[in-house]
Amino acid sequence: MLIRIIITPQKSLNIDVMQELFLTCPGGLETICENELKTIGILNTRIKPGGVSIFGEEETIFKINLWTRTGVRLLVKIDHFECRNKNELYQGVHQIDWNSIFTTQNTFSVNGFFRSEDESLRNTHYATLVCKDAIVDRFKKECNSRPDVNKLDPQFHIFVHVHHNRGTVYLNSSGSPLYKRGYRRGKMHKASMNEALAAGIMLLTGWNGSTPLYDPMCGSGTLSIEAMMIAANYAPGLIRSKFAFMNWKFFDPHDWNNLISNAKDSIKRQIKPEIFASDIRRDAIQMAKENYRNIRDLSHSIMWDVQSVTDLEPDENPGMIVMNPPYGERTGEMESLKILYKGIGDMLKTNCQGYSAYLFTASSELMKQVGLKTSRRIPLRNGNLECRLLKYDLYAGSKKGKYMDNKS
């Protein structure tokens, strides 16, 4: 029997009733994102560009923020309206009962995505100012006072989406992006892969901890750490202490604490997956170790080593290799990177027989240098970069590894 759930615009918010939600994710991971929602019992889903649409209540909001690995922001829909110009944008935002959602004592911010034929709405900064003014004016009219804007650490995060003459207003239940788990506390390279993308890559490979995993260009350790969290069934939201929904009038700490307790109980503490992470830079390995130590209640060991990717010689047991080499963003890097990618291809052919290897890159020119036939090419986005996750199936053989027994 098919049950159709019809949601009408609220113009206010009540998470005790069914709400329309939207979970954003990195481009190319929409199917993976939906699949992981199904594993935690979220079934009313539909894939859309850039994320997954969901119907749910308070518990759904809590569970997704706690458990999603590939999601970036969980947005709760408040209202939608026709939006062909700045006046309709103002009126659409102004009509919402904001005082039922937060008070003049709270702080808020407005962010958005604006794509319109109207020239005034093509400027994101101007359009968000229109939305901010609409909210402030509504409070002034009803309360004779107004809440303050806080762009850095607001209590309420409002997101406005305008496309095809339609405006939609959401409340961001996550706050800061969910890929900010909380374990990466040192200075990160500007090209570092975010945690949601790293988790998505590991889920795309299908690795589940039953075979050895090698990450020979681990950098700050994100791929290896996310892999261990997947294998151990460790909810990524356990690391964070702060979500935007905790400031909502409807937040029930008792329900949230029950979910936290259940998530801790579900950690697979007895498993011992073999993860070997290495990098040519000693400071990168030190940072990766520190990041891993920041994860509470996860005592599983990752084997860390300092070595060049071209010196990798994995053990003879079949396993998997995942790597994220540089893409060549800076001028003058390309020639040296061609040598690196060729060396990676030679290493895979010579030392990694019987393994599956995955290489993530944004450069079609550098892909060619590997010199191996891909069995799969998966399009993904890393920020604004069009990327590919390349899979190589390497012929069988055997090699002995030389990894240091350097446990975290």
Protein backbone atom coordinates (compact mmCIF):
# COMPACT_ATOMS: atom_id res chain seq x y z
CA MET A 1 0.00 0.00 0.00
CA LEU A 2 1.43 3.37 -1.04
CA ILE A 3 0.94 6.19 1.44
CA ARG A 4 1.51 9.67 0.10
CA ILE A 5 2.55 12.27 2.66
CA ILE A 6 1.43 15.80 1.75
CA ILE A 7 3.24 18.66 3.45
CA THR A 8 1.76 22.16 3.44
CA PRO A 9 3.90 25.27 4.06
CA GLN A 10 4.11 25.95 7.78
CA LYS A 11 5.27 29.61 7.82
CA SER A 12 6.49 28.52 11.28
CA LEU A 13 8.18 25.40 12.60
CA ASN A 14 6.98 22.41 14.62
CA ILE A 15 9.30 19.39 14.54
CA ASP A 16 6.73 17.26 16.40
CA VAL A 17 4.92 16.83 13.05
CA MET A 18 6.19 15.52 9.72
CA GLN A 19 8.53 18.00 8.03
CA GLU A 20 10.18 18.15 4.63
CA LEU A 21 13.95 17.96 5.03
CA PHE A 22 16.86 18.20 2.61
CA LEU A 23 20.29 16.72 3.30
CA THR A 24 23.01 18.25 1.13
CA CYS A 25 26.08 16.23 0.14
CA PRO A 26 29.14 16.50 -2.15
CA GLY A 27 28.28 16.24 -5.84
CA GLY A 28 28.25 12.64 -7.09
CA LEU A 29 27.50 11.13 -3.67
CA GLU A 30 23.71 11.49 -3.75
CA THR A 31 23.04 7.74 -4.14
CA ILE A 32 25.59 6.83 -1.47
CA CYS A 33 24.03 9.44 0.83
CA GLU A 34 20.54 7.99 0.33
CA ASN A 35 21.82 4.44 0.90
CA GLU A 36 23.40 5.33 4.22
CA LEU A 37 20.15 6.97 5.35
CA LYS A 38 18.35 3.70 4.63
CA THR A 39 20.85 1.81 6.81
CA ILE A 40 19.78 3.93 9.82
CA GLY A 41 16.09 3.43 9.10
CA ILE A 42 15.29 6.63 7.17
CA LEU A 43 13.07 5.41 4.33
CA ASN A 44 11.01 8.40 3.08
CA THR A 45 13.77 9.65 0.77
CA ARG A 46 14.19 10.91 -2.77
CA ILE A 47 17.44 11.77 -4.55
CA LYS A 48 17.75 15.30 -5.94
CA PRO A 49 20.75 17.16 -7.40
CA GLY A 50 23.09 18.00 -4.53
CA GLY A 51 21.44 15.86 -1.89
CA VAL A 52 18.48 13.84 -0.64
CA SER A 53 14.93 14.96 0.16
CA ILE A 54 13.44 13.37 3.31
CA PHE A 55 10.23 13.44 5.33
CA GLY A 56 10.71 13.18 9.07
CA GLU A 57 10.18 14.44 12.61
CA GLU A 58 12.39 15.36 15.56
CA GLU A 59 14.01 11.91 15.84
CA THR A 60 14.78 11.93 12.11
CA ILE A 61 16.59 15.26 12.45
CA PHE A 62 18.61 13.97 15.39
CA LYS A 63 19.49 10.61 13.79
CA ILE A 64 20.65 12.10 10.51
CA ASN A 65 22.88 14.71 12.14
CA LEU A 66 24.37 12.01 14.36
CA TRP A 67 24.87 9.25 11.78
CA THR A 68 25.34 10.69 8.29
CA ARG A 69 28.88 10.35 6.95
CA THR A 70 28.39 11.94 3.55
CA GLY A 71 25.81 14.62 4.45
CA VAL A 72 26.93 18.23 4.80
CA ARG A 73 23.87 20.14 6.10
CA LEU A 74 20.42 18.95 7.11
CA LEU A 75 17.91 21.65 6.17
CA VAL A 76 14.35 21.82 7.51
CA LYS A 77 11.89 23.43 5.11
CA ILE A 78 9.85 26.31 6.57
CA ASP A 79 8.09 27.77 3.53
CA HIS A 80 8.20 28.34 -0.23
CA PHE A 81 6.85 31.09 -2.47
CA GLU A 82 7.05 32.63 -5.92
CA CYS A 83 10.23 34.67 -6.22
CA ARG A 84 10.78 36.61 -9.44
CA ASN A 85 12.38 39.72 -7.94
CA LYS A 86 13.69 41.27 -4.74
CA ASN A 87 10.22 42.45 -3.64
CA GLU A 88 8.81 38.94 -3.77
CA LEU A 89 11.90 37.66 -1.98
CA TYR A 90 11.37 40.22 0.80
CA GLN A 91 7.65 39.46 1.12
CA GLY A 92 8.19 35.71 1.04
CA VAL A 93 10.69 35.82 3.90
CA HIS A 94 8.78 38.51 5.82
CA GLN A 95 5.53 36.48 5.93
CA ILE A 96 7.13 33.69 7.99
CA ASP A 97 6.29 33.67 11.71
CA TRP A 98 9.90 34.07 12.83
CA ASN A 99 8.99 34.82 16.45
CA SER A 100 7.63 31.25 16.75
CA ILE A 101 11.07 29.93 15.76
CA PHE A 102 13.47 32.14 17.73
CA THR A 103 13.41 35.32 19.80
CA THR A 104 15.01 38.74 19.84
CA GLN A 105 17.49 37.39 22.37
CA ASN A 106 18.90 34.93 19.83
CA THR A 107 21.43 35.52 17.06
CA PHE A 108 21.00 34.45 13.45
CA SER A 109 22.68 34.40 10.06
CA VAL A 110 21.38 34.13 6.51
CA ASN A 111 23.08 32.24 3.71
CA GLY A 112 21.69 31.14 0.40
CA PHE A 113 21.81 30.03 -3.18
CA PHE A 114 20.35 32.49 -5.66
CA ARG A 115 19.89 31.85 -9.36
CA SER A 116 17.38 34.17 -11.02
CA GLU A 117 16.67 36.10 -14.21
CA ASP A 118 16.29 39.18 -12.03
CA GLU A 119 19.62 40.99 -11.88
CA SER A 120 19.22 42.02 -8.23
CA LEU A 121 18.95 38.38 -7.14
CA ARG A 122 22.13 37.29 -8.91
CA ASN A 123 24.19 39.04 -6.25
CA THR A 124 24.30 36.63 -3.31
CA HIS A 125 25.45 39.28 -0.83
CA TYR A 126 22.62 41.67 -1.78
CA ALA A 127 19.98 38.92 -1.80
CA THR A 128 20.95 37.73 1.68
CA LEU A 129 20.72 41.33 2.93
CA VAL A 130 17.15 41.50 1.57
CA CYS A 131 16.33 38.31 3.54
CA LYS A 132 17.99 39.64 6.68
CA ASP A 133 16.03 42.91 6.46
CA ALA A 134 12.76 40.99 6.00
CA ILE A 135 13.41 38.96 9.17
CA VAL A 136 14.46 42.00 11.23
CA ASP A 137 11.49 44.05 10.04
CA ARG A 138 9.08 41.26 11.02
CA PHE A 139 10.52 41.20 14.55
CA LYS A 140 10.40 45.00 14.84
CA LYS A 141 6.76 45.00 13.77
CA GLU A 142 5.73 42.33 16.28
CA CYS A 143 8.17 42.81 19.15
CA ASN A 144 9.45 46.38 18.91
CA SER A 145 12.91 44.83 19.04
CA ARG A 146 15.17 42.75 16.84
CA PRO A 147 17.68 39.87 17.08
CA ASP A 148 21.33 40.43 16.20
CA VAL A 149 23.12 38.98 13.20
CA ASN A 150 26.16 36.82 13.98
CA LYS A 151 27.96 35.58 10.87
CA LEU A 152 30.60 33.57 12.72
CA ASP A 153 28.68 31.59 15.35
CA PRO A 154 24.93 32.21 15.14
CA GLN A 155 22.39 30.28 17.17
CA PHE A 156 20.01 30.03 14.19
CA HIS A 157 21.24 29.34 10.66
CA ILE A 158 18.76 30.33 7.93
CA PHE A 159 19.23 29.16 4.35
CA VAL A 160 17.31 30.62 1.39
CA HIS A 161 17.25 28.88 -2.00
CA VAL A 162 16.01 30.72 -5.11
CA HIS A 163 15.83 28.92 -8.45
CA HIS A 164 13.37 28.94 -11.39
CA ASN A 165 11.36 31.80 -9.83
CA ARG A 166 10.74 29.79 -6.67
CA GLY A 167 12.05 30.69 -3.25
CA THR A 168 12.39 28.18 -0.43
CA VAL A 169 13.35 29.02 3.15
CA TYR A 170 15.06 26.44 5.34
CA LEU A 171 16.38 26.28 8.87
CA ASN A 172 19.79 24.62 8.96
CA SER A 173 19.61 22.04 11.77
CA SER A 174 23.32 21.18 11.59
CA GLY A 175 24.94 24.58 11.96
CA SER A 176 28.51 24.26 10.77
CA PRO A 177 28.98 21.67 7.99
CA LEU A 178 28.68 18.09 9.21
CA TYR A 179 32.02 17.20 7.64
CA LYS A 180 33.54 19.25 10.45
CA ARG A 181 33.51 16.22 12.72
CA GLY A 182 35.78 17.78 15.31
CA TYR A 183 38.85 15.56 15.10
CA ARG A 184 40.87 17.73 12.67
CA ARG A 185 42.12 20.49 14.95
CA GLY A 186 45.50 21.34 13.47
CA LYS A 187 46.22 23.56 10.48
CA MET A 188 44.94 21.84 7.34
CA HIS A 189 46.30 22.19 3.81
CA LYS A 190 43.94 24.29 1.69
CA ALA A 191 43.50 21.33 -0.68
CA SER A 192 42.68 18.85 2.09
CA MET A 193 39.77 16.55 1.34
CA ASN A 194 36.79 17.14 3.60
CA GLU A 195 35.54 14.30 5.78
CA ALA A 196 32.20 13.81 3.99
CA LEU A 197 33.91 13.32 0.64
CA ALA A 198 36.50 10.99 2.19
CA ALA A 199 33.75 8.89 3.78
CA GLY A 200 31.88 8.82 0.49
CA ILE A 201 34.96 7.57 -1.35
CA MET A 202 35.42 4.77 1.18
CA LEU A 203 31.74 3.80 0.89
CA LEU A 204 32.05 3.78 -2.91
CA THR A 205 34.97 1.34 -2.69
CA GLY A 206 32.85 -1.07 -0.65
CA TRP A 207 35.66 -1.65 1.88
CA ASN A 208 34.25 -3.01 5.13
CA GLY A 209 37.30 -3.87 7.21
CA SER A 210 37.55 -7.53 6.22
CA THR A 211 40.70 -6.99 4.10
CA PRO A 212 43.80 -4.81 4.60
CA LEU A 213 43.54 -1.16 3.53
CA TYR A 214 46.55 0.92 2.47
CA ASP A 215 46.49 4.72 2.28
CA PRO A 216 50.01 5.55 1.02
CA MET A 217 49.50 9.33 0.62
CA CYS A 218 47.50 9.84 3.80
CA GLY A 219 48.31 13.49 4.52
CA SER A 220 46.35 14.41 7.65
CA GLY A 221 44.83 10.92 7.71
CA THR A 222 41.26 11.72 6.66
CA LEU A 223 40.67 8.71 4.37
CA SER A 224 42.14 6.26 6.88
CA ILE A 225 40.28 7.75 9.83
CA GLU A 226 36.94 7.77 8.01
CA ALA A 227 37.58 4.18 6.92
CA MET A 228 38.16 3.11 10.51
CA MET A 229 35.00 4.88 11.67
CA ILE A 230 33.01 3.03 8.99
CA ALA A 231 34.49 -0.35 9.93
CA ALA A 232 33.88 0.27 13.64
CA ASN A 233 30.31 1.56 13.06
CA TYR A 234 31.30 4.78 14.81
CA ALA A 235 28.71 7.56 14.39
CA PRO A 236 30.58 10.67 13.17
CA GLY A 237 28.29 12.97 15.16
CA LEU A 238 29.64 11.52 18.42
CA ILE A 239 32.73 13.70 18.07
CA ARG A 240 30.80 16.96 17.83
CA SER A 241 29.40 18.68 20.89
CA LYS A 242 27.43 21.35 19.03
CA PHE A 243 24.57 21.27 16.50
CA ALA A 244 22.29 24.17 15.58
CA PHE A 245 19.13 22.25 16.58
CA MET A 246 20.30 22.36 20.20
CA ASN A 247 19.26 26.05 20.25
CA TRP A 248 15.73 25.35 19.03
CA LYS A 249 12.71 25.73 21.32
CA PHE A 250 11.70 22.17 20.44
CA PHE A 251 15.00 20.51 21.37
CA ASP A 252 14.59 17.63 23.82
CA PRO A 253 17.98 16.79 25.43
CA HIS A 254 16.60 13.51 26.82
CA ASP A 255 15.77 12.17 23.35
CA TRP A 256 19.13 13.30 22.02
CA ASN A 257 21.06 11.71 24.90
CA ASN A 258 19.26 8.40 24.31
CA LEU A 259 20.43 8.40 20.69
CA ILE A 260 23.98 9.23 21.80
CA SER A 261 23.94 6.35 24.27
CA ASN A 262 22.64 3.90 21.65
CA ALA A 263 25.28 5.05 19.16
CA LYS A 264 28.06 4.43 21.68
CA ASP A 265 26.68 0.96 22.39
CA SER A 266 26.71 0.14 18.67
CA ILE A 267 30.45 0.73 18.24
CA LYS A 268 32.15 -2.51 17.17
CA ARG A 269 34.91 -2.51 19.75
CA GLN A 270 36.17 -6.06 19.12
CA ILE A 271 36.94 -5.75 15.41
CA LYS A 272 40.55 -5.28 14.32
CA PRO A 273 40.63 -3.98 10.75
CA GLU A 274 44.08 -3.61 9.22
CA ILE A 275 44.64 -0.03 8.07
CA PHE A 276 48.12 1.08 6.99
CA ALA A 277 48.59 4.82 6.48
CA SER A 278 51.81 6.42 5.27
CA ASP A 279 53.11 9.69 3.88
CA ILE A 280 56.50 11.00 2.80
CA ARG A 281 56.14 13.92 5.22
CA ARG A 282 56.83 13.18 8.88
CA ASP A 283 54.87 16.25 10.02
CA ALA A 284 51.81 14.99 8.12
CA ILE A 285 51.98 11.64 9.91
CA GLN A 286 52.28 13.41 13.24
CA MET A 287 49.20 15.49 12.45
CA ALA A 288 47.28 12.39 11.31
CA LYS A 289 48.08 10.61 14.58
CA GLU A 290 46.92 13.63 16.59
CA ASN A 291 43.69 13.81 14.60
CA TYR A 292 42.98 10.16 15.28
CA ARG A 293 43.66 10.55 19.01
CA ASN A 294 40.95 13.24 19.12
CA ILE A 295 38.22 10.65 18.50
CA ARG A 296 36.70 9.58 21.79
CA ASP A 297 35.76 5.93 22.42
CA LEU A 298 37.64 4.64 19.37
CA SER A 299 40.68 2.66 20.47
CA HIS A 300 41.28 0.67 17.28
CA SER A 301 44.82 0.85 15.90
CA ILE A 302 45.93 2.39 12.63
CA MET A 303 49.49 1.53 11.52
CA TRP A 304 51.34 4.75 10.62
CA ASP A 305 54.60 5.01 8.66
CA VAL A 306 56.80 7.62 6.98
CA GLN A 307 57.65 6.60 3.42
CA SER A 308 57.23 7.54 -0.22
CA VAL A 309 54.18 6.24 -2.09
CA THR A 310 56.48 4.65 -4.66
CA ASP A 311 58.06 2.52 -1.91
CA LEU A 312 54.77 0.90 -0.95
CA GLU A 313 54.99 -2.92 -0.81
CA PRO A 314 51.78 -4.29 0.72
CA ASP A 315 51.49 -7.74 2.25
CA GLU A 316 50.68 -10.73 0.07
CA ASN A 317 47.07 -11.00 1.27
CA PRO A 318 44.58 -9.42 -1.17
CA GLY A 319 43.49 -5.97 -0.08
CA MET A 320 42.72 -2.43 -1.16
CA ILE A 321 44.74 0.72 -1.84
CA VAL A 322 43.16 4.19 -1.75
CA MET A 323 45.06 7.38 -2.46
CA ASN A 324 44.49 11.08 -3.00
CA PRO A 325 47.58 12.47 -4.77
CA PRO A 326 47.99 16.20 -5.59
CA TYR A 327 46.09 17.48 -8.63
CA GLY A 328 48.54 20.16 -9.80
CA GLU A 329 46.70 23.32 -8.77
CA ARG A 330 49.83 25.47 -8.66
CA THR A 331 51.75 26.70 -11.70
CA GLY A 332 54.85 24.65 -12.47
CA GLU A 333 53.71 21.53 -10.60
CA MET A 334 52.47 19.56 -13.58
CA GLU A 335 55.78 18.17 -14.83
CA SER A 336 56.87 16.90 -11.43
CA LEU A 337 53.42 15.44 -10.82
CA LYS A 338 53.54 13.56 -14.12
CA ILE A 339 56.65 11.81 -12.79
CA LEU A 340 54.84 11.09 -9.49
CA TYR A 341 51.77 9.61 -11.21
CA LYS A 342 53.95 7.46 -13.46
CA GLY A 343 55.78 6.24 -10.36
CA ILE A 344 52.43 5.38 -8.74
CA GLY A 345 51.48 3.34 -11.81
CA ASP A 346 54.81 1.50 -11.79
CA MET A 347 54.46 0.77 -8.07
CA LEU A 348 50.95 -0.61 -8.52
CA LYS A 349 52.03 -2.86 -11.40
CA THR A 350 55.11 -4.17 -9.64
CA ASN A 351 54.22 -4.33 -5.95
CA CYS A 352 50.45 -4.61 -5.67
CA GLN A 353 49.40 -7.68 -7.61
CA GLY A 354 46.07 -9.06 -6.44
CA TYR A 355 44.92 -5.73 -5.00
CA SER A 356 42.22 -3.27 -5.98
CA ALA A 357 43.45 0.32 -6.12
CA TYR A 358 41.47 3.57 -6.10
CA LEU A 359 42.98 6.90 -7.08
CA PHE A 360 41.16 10.22 -6.67
CA THR A 361 42.21 13.11 -8.89
CA ALA A 362 40.93 16.17 -10.73
CA SER A 363 43.47 16.07 -13.57
CA SER A 364 42.69 14.16 -16.77
CA GLU A 365 46.27 14.79 -17.91
CA LEU A 366 47.73 13.20 -14.78
CA MET A 367 45.34 10.22 -14.99
CA LYS A 368 47.03 9.21 -18.24
CA GLN A 369 50.44 9.02 -16.60
CA VAL A 370 49.44 6.08 -14.38
CA GLY A 371 49.58 3.84 -17.45
CA LEU A 372 47.01 1.32 -16.21
CA LYS A 373 43.58 0.49 -17.52
CA THR A 374 40.76 1.57 -15.24
CA SER A 375 37.89 -0.78 -14.49
CA ARG A 376 35.70 2.05 -13.20
CA ARG A 377 35.61 5.87 -13.38
CA ILE A 378 33.29 7.56 -10.89
CA PRO A 379 32.60 11.30 -11.35
CA LEU A 380 32.68 13.31 -8.10
CA ARG A 381 33.11 16.91 -7.06
CA ASN A 382 35.66 18.27 -4.59
CA GLY A 383 34.34 21.78 -3.98
CA ASN A 384 34.30 23.41 -7.41
CA LEU A 385 36.60 20.80 -8.95
CA GLU A 386 35.31 18.09 -11.29
CA CYS A 387 37.09 14.93 -10.14
CA ARG A 388 37.21 11.20 -10.84
CA LEU A 389 37.63 8.22 -8.55
CA LEU A 390 39.55 5.71 -10.67
CA LYS A 391 39.52 1.99 -9.92
CA TYR A 392 42.33 -0.32 -11.03
CA ASP A 393 42.04 -4.11 -10.73
CA LEU A 394 45.60 -5.44 -10.50
CA TYR A 395 46.54 -8.95 -11.61
CA ALA A 396 47.27 -11.60 -8.98
CA GLY A 397 50.68 -12.28 -7.48
CA SER A 398 52.41 -11.85 -4.13
CA LYS A 399 54.69 -9.39 -2.43
CA LYS A 400 55.88 -9.07 1.14
CA GLY A 401 55.30 -5.76 2.91
CA LYS A 402 57.71 -3.74 4.99
CA TYR A 403 55.47 -1.68 7.24
CA MET A 404 56.68 -0.45 10.59
CA ASP A 405 54.59 -1.72 13.49
CA ASN A 406 53.91 1.82 14.61
CA LYS A 407 50.50 1.82 16.22
CA SER A 408 48.52 4.88 17.07
